[in-house]
C-alpha atoms as a PDB file:
ATOM      1  CA  MET A   1      90.377 100.076 132.287  1.00  0.00           C
ATOM      2  CA  GLN A   2      87.708 100.728 129.648  1.00  0.00           C
ATOM      3  CA  ILE A   3      87.858 104.173 128.030  1.00  0.00           C
ATOM      4  CA  ASP A   4      85.290 106.075 125.994  1.00  0.00           C
ATOM      5  CA  ASP A   5      85.562 105.211 122.286  1.00  0.00           C
ATOM      6  CA  ALA A   6      84.941 108.881 121.476  1.00  0.00           C
ATOM      7  CA  VAL A   7      88.245 109.772 123.131  1.00  0.00           C
ATOM      8  CA  ILE A   8      91.402 109.452 121.033  1.00  0.00           C
ATOM      9  CA  ARG A   9      93.025 106.437 122.618  1.00  0.00           C
ATOM     10  CA  PRO A  10      96.743 106.112 123.289  1.00  0.00           C
ATOM     11  CA  LYS A  11      98.492 104.036 120.646  1.00  0.00           C
ATOM     12  CA  ILE A  12     101.289 101.503 121.084  1.00  0.00           C
ATOM     13  CA  VAL A  13     103.479 101.339 117.995  1.00  0.00           C
ATOM     14  CA  PHE A  14     105.746  98.338 117.491  1.00  0.00           C
ATOM     15  CA  VAL A  15     108.848  99.158 115.447  1.00  0.00           C
ATOM     16  CA  THR A  16     109.581  95.824 113.844  1.00  0.00           C
ATOM     17  CA  ASP A  17     110.690  93.978 110.728  1.00  0.00           C
ATOM     18  CA  PRO A  18     109.667  90.621 109.244  1.00  0.00           C
ATOM     19  CA  MET A  19     113.346  89.566 109.050  1.00  0.00           C
ATOM     20  CA  CYS A  20     114.444  90.718 112.536  1.00  0.00           C
ATOM     21  CA  SER A  21     115.233  87.777 114.834  1.00  0.00           C
ATOM     22  CA  TRP A  22     114.474  89.588 118.112  1.00  0.00           C
ATOM     23  CA  CYS A  23     111.223  90.837 116.571  1.00  0.00           C
ATOM     24  CA  TRP A  24     110.297  87.208 115.950  1.00  0.00           C
ATOM     25  CA  GLY A  25     111.297  86.488 119.535  1.00  0.00           C
ATOM     26  CA  MET A  26     108.869  89.164 120.712  1.00  0.00           C
ATOM     27  CA  ALA A  27     106.030  88.201 118.354  1.00  0.00           C
ATOM     28  CA  ALA A  28     104.068  86.219 120.952  1.00  0.00           C
ATOM     29  CA  ASP A  29     104.351  89.087 123.431  1.00  0.00           C
ATOM     30  CA  VAL A  30     103.136  91.534 120.792  1.00  0.00           C
ATOM     31  CA  GLU A  31     100.050  89.396 120.274  1.00  0.00           C
ATOM     32  CA  ARG A  32      99.545  89.021 124.018  1.00  0.00           C
ATOM     33  CA  ALA A  33      99.785  92.782 124.554  1.00  0.00           C
ATOM     34  CA  ARG A  34      97.328  93.434 121.738  1.00  0.00           C
ATOM     35  CA  THR A  35      94.862  91.007 123.316  1.00  0.00           C
ATOM     36  CA  GLU A  36      95.240  91.987 126.967  1.00  0.00           C
ATOM     37  CA  ALA A  37      95.283  95.754 126.428  1.00  0.00           C
ATOM     38  CA  ALA A  38      92.809  95.987 123.547  1.00  0.00           C
ATOM     39  CA  ASP A  39      90.278  97.733 125.791  1.00  0.00           C
ATOM     40  CA  ARG A  40      92.445 100.817 126.290  1.00  0.00           C
ATOM     41  CA  PHE A  41      95.071 101.077 123.542  1.00  0.00           C
ATOM     42  CA  ASP A  42      95.212 101.087 119.780  1.00  0.00           C
ATOM     43  CA  PHE A  43      98.141  99.311 118.113  1.00  0.00           C
ATOM     44  CA  ASP A  44     100.202  99.897 115.004  1.00  0.00           C
ATOM     45  CA  VAL A  45     103.309  98.709 113.182  1.00  0.00           C
ATOM     46  CA  LEU A  46     106.231 100.815 111.977  1.00  0.00           C
ATOM     47  CA  LEU A  47     108.835  99.043 109.842  1.00  0.00           C
ATOM     48  CA  GLY A  48     112.451  99.546 110.820  1.00  0.00           C
ATOM     49  CA  GLY A  49     114.390  97.766 108.066  1.00  0.00           C
ATOM     50  CA  ILE A  50     117.192  95.199 108.359  1.00  0.00           C
ATOM     51  CA  ASN A  51     120.402  95.432 106.297  1.00  0.00           C
ATOM     52  CA  ILE A  52     118.621  97.732 103.870  1.00  0.00           C
ATOM     53  CA  GLY A  53     121.818  98.581 101.998  1.00  0.00           C
ATOM     54  CA  SER A  54     123.005  95.003 101.537  1.00  0.00           C
ATOM     55  CA  THR A  55     123.360  93.746  97.953  1.00  0.00           C
ATOM     56  CA  HIS A  56     125.630  90.690  98.315  1.00  0.00           C
ATOM     57  CA  PRO A  57     124.728  87.130  99.362  1.00  0.00           C
ATOM     58  CA  ILE A  58     125.289  86.428 103.023  1.00  0.00           C
ATOM     59  CA  THR A  59     128.611  84.718 103.791  1.00  0.00           C
ATOM     60  CA  ASP A  60     129.110  81.465 105.657  1.00  0.00           C
ATOM     61  CA  PHE A  61     130.683  83.417 108.527  1.00  0.00           C
ATOM     62  CA  ALA A  62     127.658  85.708 108.757  1.00  0.00           C
ATOM     63  CA  ARG A  63     125.333  82.695 108.676  1.00  0.00           C
ATOM     64  CA  SER A  64     127.226  81.177 111.601  1.00  0.00           C
ATOM     65  CA  ARG A  65     127.141  84.419 113.561  1.00  0.00           C
ATOM     66  CA  LEU A  66     123.417  84.813 112.932  1.00  0.00           C
ATOM     67  CA  ALA A  67     122.784  81.239 114.074  1.00  0.00           C
ATOM     68  CA  SER A  68     124.396  82.213 117.371  1.00  0.00           C
ATOM     69  CA  VAL A  69     122.061  85.194 117.642  1.00  0.00           C
ATOM     70  CA  TRP A  70     119.089  82.937 117.020  1.00  0.00           C
ATOM     71  CA  ARG A  71     120.208  80.598 119.796  1.00  0.00           C
ATOM     72  CA  GLY A  72     120.355  83.578 122.123  1.00  0.00           C
ATOM     73  CA  VAL A  73     116.853  84.685 121.159  1.00  0.00           C
ATOM     74  CA  ASN A  74     115.569  81.156 121.753  1.00  0.00           C
ATOM     75  CA  GLU A  75     117.195  80.999 125.182  1.00  0.00           C
ATOM     76  CA  VAL A  76     115.490  84.212 126.286  1.00  0.00           C
ATOM     77  CA  THR A  77     112.098  83.902 124.590  1.00  0.00           C
ATOM     78  CA  HIS A  78     111.773  80.149 123.830  1.00  0.00           C
ATOM     79  CA  VAL A  79     110.502  81.031 120.367  1.00  0.00           C
ATOM     80  CA  GLN A  80     110.905  78.359 117.703  1.00  0.00           C
ATOM     81  CA  PHE A  81     113.539  78.615 114.974  1.00  0.00           C
ATOM     82  CA  GLY A  82     114.038  76.275 112.046  1.00  0.00           C
ATOM     83  CA  ARG A  83     117.232  75.096 110.392  1.00  0.00           C
ATOM     84  CA  GLY A  84     118.516  78.498 109.369  1.00  0.00           C
ATOM     85  CA  LEU A  85     118.491  80.996 106.559  1.00  0.00           C
ATOM     86  CA  PRO A  86     117.367  80.137 103.027  1.00  0.00           C
ATOM     87  CA  ALA A  87     119.991  78.223 101.065  1.00  0.00           C
ATOM     88  CA  GLY A  88     121.864  79.534  98.059  1.00  0.00           C
ATOM     89  CA  ASP A  89     122.765  83.115  97.236  1.00  0.00           C
ATOM     90  CA  PHE A  90     120.440  84.671  99.774  1.00  0.00           C
ATOM     91  CA  VAL A  91     120.761  88.434 100.269  1.00  0.00           C
ATOM     92  CA  TYR A  92     119.782  89.368 103.817  1.00  0.00           C
ATOM     93  CA  ASN A  93     118.018  92.643 103.046  1.00  0.00           C
ATOM     94  CA  SER A  94     114.468  93.232 104.273  1.00  0.00           C
ATOM     95  CA  VAL A  95     113.416  96.058 101.939  1.00  0.00           C
ATOM     96  CA  ARG A  96     111.398  93.837  99.603  1.00  0.00           C
ATOM     97  CA  ALA A  97     109.701  92.083 102.525  1.00  0.00           C
ATOM     98  CA  CYS A  98     108.827  95.454 104.035  1.00  0.00           C
ATOM     99  CA  VAL A  99     107.401  96.622 100.707  1.00  0.00           C
ATOM    100  CA  ALA A 100     105.119  93.580 100.758  1.00  0.00           C
ATOM    101  CA  VAL A 101     103.998  94.420 104.297  1.00  0.00           C
ATOM    102  CA  GLU A 102     103.286  98.028 103.327  1.00  0.00           C
ATOM    103  CA  ALA A 103     101.349  96.849 100.278  1.00  0.00           C
ATOM    104  CA  VAL A 104      99.140  94.657 102.462  1.00  0.00           C
ATOM    105  CA  ARG A 105      98.563  97.540 104.868  1.00  0.00           C
ATOM    106  CA  ALA A 106      97.484  99.808 102.017  1.00  0.00           C
ATOM    107  CA  ILE A 107      95.053  97.241 100.624  1.00  0.00           C
ATOM    108  CA  LEU A 108      93.505  96.142 103.912  1.00  0.00           C
ATOM    109  CA  GLY A 109      93.503  99.609 105.461  1.00  0.00           C
ATOM    110  CA  ARG A 110      94.706  98.407 108.850  1.00  0.00           C
ATOM    111  CA  PRO A 111      97.975  97.562 110.622  1.00  0.00           C
ATOM    112  CA  PRO A 112      99.184  94.302 109.031  1.00  0.00           C
ATOM    113  CA  PHE A 113      99.998  92.345 112.200  1.00  0.00           C
ATOM    114  CA  ASP A 114      98.769  89.047 110.758  1.00  0.00           C
ATOM    115  CA  TYR A 115     100.835  89.406 107.612  1.00  0.00           C
ATOM    116  CA  VAL A 116     104.019  90.325 109.486  1.00  0.00           C
ATOM    117  CA  LEU A 117     103.540  87.243 111.648  1.00  0.00           C
ATOM    118  CA  ARG A 118     103.043  85.058 108.575  1.00  0.00           C
ATOM    119  CA  LEU A 119     106.282  86.271 106.997  1.00  0.00           C
ATOM    120  CA  GLN A 120     108.174  85.869 110.262  1.00  0.00           C
ATOM    121  CA  HIS A 121     107.050  82.262 110.605  1.00  0.00           C
ATOM    122  CA  ARG A 122     107.949  81.505 107.003  1.00  0.00           C
ATOM    123  CA  PHE A 123     111.403  82.998 107.435  1.00  0.00           C
ATOM    124  CA  PHE A 124     112.461  81.905 110.906  1.00  0.00           C
ATOM    125  CA  VAL A 125     110.701  78.546 111.182  1.00  0.00           C
ATOM    126  CA  ASP A 126     110.351  77.347 107.599  1.00  0.00           C
ATOM    127  CA  GLY A 127     113.605  78.861 106.317  1.00  0.00           C
ATOM    128  CA  ARG A 128     111.851  80.373 103.301  1.00  0.00           C
ATOM    129  CA  ASP A 129     112.981  83.437 101.379  1.00  0.00           C
ATOM    130  CA  VAL A 130     110.397  86.076 102.297  1.00  0.00           C
ATOM    131  CA  THR A 131     111.893  88.507  99.783  1.00  0.00           C
ATOM    132  CA  ASP A 132     110.450  86.266  97.049  1.00  0.00           C
ATOM    133  CA  VAL A 133     107.357  87.884  95.556  1.00  0.00           C
ATOM    134  CA  ASP A 134     105.582  84.572  94.883  1.00  0.00           C
ATOM    135  CA  LEU A 135     105.799  83.622  98.560  1.00  0.00           C
ATOM    136  CA  GLN A 136     104.750  87.145  99.554  1.00  0.00           C
ATOM    137  CA  ARG A 137     101.717  86.954  97.285  1.00  0.00           C
ATOM    138  CA  ASP A 138     100.665  83.558  98.640  1.00  0.00           C
ATOM    139  CA  GLU A 139     100.806  84.824 102.217  1.00  0.00           C
ATOM    140  CA  ALA A 140      98.978  88.009 101.246  1.00  0.00           C
ATOM    141  CA  VAL A 141      96.168  85.971  99.716  1.00  0.00           C
ATOM    142  CA  ALA A 142      96.025  83.917 102.922  1.00  0.00           C
ATOM    143  CA  SER A 143      95.612  87.222 104.773  1.00  0.00           C
ATOM    144  CA  GLY A 144      92.628  88.172 102.641  1.00  0.00           C
ATOM    145  CA  VAL A 145      94.333  90.244  99.939  1.00  0.00           C
ATOM    146  CA  PRO A 146      93.390  89.703  96.272  1.00  0.00           C
ATOM    147  CA  ALA A 147      96.469  88.589  94.327  1.00  0.00           C
ATOM    148  CA  GLU A 148      96.058  91.199  91.586  1.00  0.00           C
ATOM    149  CA  ASP A 149      95.733  94.004  94.149  1.00  0.00           C
ATOM    150  CA  PHE A 150      98.885  92.809  95.873  1.00  0.00           C
ATOM    151  CA  ASP A 151     100.850  92.718  92.628  1.00  0.00           C
ATOM    152  CA  ALA A 152      99.818  96.268  91.780  1.00  0.00           C
ATOM    153  CA  ALA A 153     100.588  97.633  95.247  1.00  0.00           C
ATOM    154  CA  VAL A 154     103.948  95.926  95.603  1.00  0.00           C
ATOM    155  CA  GLN A 155     105.087  97.374  92.267  1.00  0.00           C
ATOM    156  CA  SER A 156     103.851 100.886  93.041  1.00  0.00           C
ATOM    157  CA  PRO A 157     106.538 103.575  93.516  1.00  0.00           C
ATOM    158  CA  GLN A 158     104.302 105.085  96.193  1.00  0.00           C
ATOM    159  CA  THR A 159     104.603 101.907  98.270  1.00  0.00           C
ATOM    160  CA  MET A 160     108.392 102.048  98.137  1.00  0.00           C
ATOM    161  CA  THR A 161     108.299 105.718  99.099  1.00  0.00           C
ATOM    162  CA  ARG A 162     106.174 104.963 102.157  1.00  0.00           C
ATOM    163  CA  VAL A 163     108.563 102.192 103.177  1.00  0.00           C
ATOM    164  CA  ARG A 164     111.627 104.427 102.875  1.00  0.00           C
ATOM    165  CA  ASP A 165     109.853 107.219 104.751  1.00  0.00           C
ATOM    166  CA  GLY A 166     108.931 104.719 107.450  1.00  0.00           C
ATOM    167  CA  PHE A 167     112.540 103.626 107.864  1.00  0.00           C
ATOM    168  CA  ALA A 168     113.595 107.246 108.302  1.00  0.00           C
ATOM    169  CA  LEU A 169     110.758 107.913 110.725  1.00  0.00           C
ATOM    170  CA  ALA A 170     111.655 104.868 112.830  1.00  0.00           C
ATOM    171  CA  LYS A 171     115.254 106.032 113.055  1.00  0.00           C
ATOM    172  CA  SER A 172     114.158 109.538 114.066  1.00  0.00           C
ATOM    173  CA  TYR A 173     112.611 108.141 117.247  1.00  0.00           C
ATOM    174  CA  GLY A 174     115.944 106.729 118.362  1.00  0.00           C
ATOM    175  CA  THR A 175     115.025 103.155 117.543  1.00  0.00           C
ATOM    176  CA  ALA A 176     118.585 101.918 117.154  1.00  0.00           C
ATOM    177  CA  ALA A 177     117.504  98.443 118.277  1.00  0.00           C
ATOM    178  CA  LEU A 178     114.703  96.311 116.884  1.00  0.00           C
ATOM    179  CA  PRO A 179     112.149  95.626 118.110  1.00  0.00           C
ATOM    180  CA  SER A 180     111.302  98.930 119.750  1.00  0.00           C
ATOM    181  CA  VAL A 181     108.087 100.222 121.234  1.00  0.00           C
ATOM    182  CA  LEU A 182     106.666 103.728 120.934  1.00  0.00           C
ATOM    183  CA  LEU A 183     103.761 105.308 122.768  1.00  0.00           C
ATOM    184  CA  GLU A 184     101.642 107.785 120.836  1.00  0.00           C
ATOM    185  CA  LEU A 185      99.783 110.091 123.223  1.00  0.00           C
ATOM    186  CA  ASP A 186      98.072 113.391 122.425  1.00  0.00           C
ATOM    187  CA  GLY A 187      99.593 113.408 118.945  1.00  0.00           C
ATOM    188  CA  ALA A 188     103.183 112.920 120.129  1.00  0.00           C
ATOM    189  CA  ARG A 189     105.292 109.770 120.184  1.00  0.00           C
ATOM    190  CA  ARG A 190     107.941 108.741 122.679  1.00  0.00           C
ATOM    191  CA  LEU A 191     110.225 105.744 122.933  1.00  0.00           C
ATOM    192  CA  VAL A 192     109.083 103.255 125.576  1.00  0.00           C
ATOM    193  CA  ALA A 193     111.514 100.392 124.990  1.00  0.00           C
ATOM    194  CA  GLY A 194     114.437  99.699 122.702  1.00  0.00           C
ATOM    195  CA  GLY A 195     114.893  95.966 122.332  1.00  0.00           C
ATOM    196  CA  PHE A 196     112.923  92.953 123.538  1.00  0.00           C
ATOM    197  CA  ILE A 197     110.327  93.484 126.270  1.00  0.00           C
ATOM    198  CA  ASP A 198     107.709  91.013 127.427  1.00  0.00           C
ATOM    199  CA  ALA A 199     104.010  91.829 127.364  1.00  0.00           C
ATOM    200  CA  PRO A 200     103.369  92.313 131.113  1.00  0.00           C
ATOM    201  CA  THR A 201     106.377  94.625 131.491  1.00  0.00           C
ATOM    202  CA  LEU A 202     105.379  96.551 128.376  1.00  0.00           C
ATOM    203  CA  ILE A 203     101.776  97.031 129.455  1.00  0.00           C
ATOM    204  CA  ALA A 204     102.822  98.120 132.942  1.00  0.00           C
ATOM    205  CA  ALA A 205     105.318 100.617 131.518  1.00  0.00           C
ATOM    206  CA  VAL A 206     102.789 102.140 129.144  1.00  0.00           C
ATOM    207  CA  ASP A 207     100.127 102.300 131.866  1.00  0.00           C
ATOM    208  CA  ARG A 208     102.545 104.286 134.048  1.00  0.00           C
ATOM    209  CA  LEU A 209     103.356 106.699 131.226  1.00  0.00           C
ATOM    210  CA  VAL A 210      99.689 107.276 130.463  1.00  0.00           C
ATOM    211  CA  GLY A 211      98.920 107.704 134.158  1.00  0.00           C
ATOM    212  CA  TRP A 212      96.429 104.886 134.634  1.00  0.00           C
END
């Protein structure tokens, strides 16, 4: 259904994180929903944060447990995973990756879907450390962001504040599971789905809520 551009369109907000395995599992469905429903919805990203209080390198036990989670995601979604987490003393904390995403959003002035997808692929397929600022900068440049602008934005206290506020906002909607989906309608947001949902089911659910 085509709607008048002068009307404020409903917005689908994906609560996600570049280091969330189920978010990676849903990435193709996010892109499909954005393509198939582009005529009637706007889309946005809200960062949820993964292990945001963690300061210690991930243990071998945790690596093994996470590998099991990844196998489960693959079985349900058939999304590709690589060999595992980055080697060495890797701290599984997504704050720095989320700061990079927020920096790209601020510079480009639009929801950074492409950049989130780039970081997800680097992390889950290539096994790269997406908390590393050099990798973040390279992917930002590939997304059309000048390197010097990225460096300034990622170091800005205002960027960190927006990320922390976003984490709190995501939690306030009851998004205990990532990914989650919100519908913004008439200035109010409501939770549509908590956890993985495929594109056809998502679009049908949102259409029902909007009344189309």
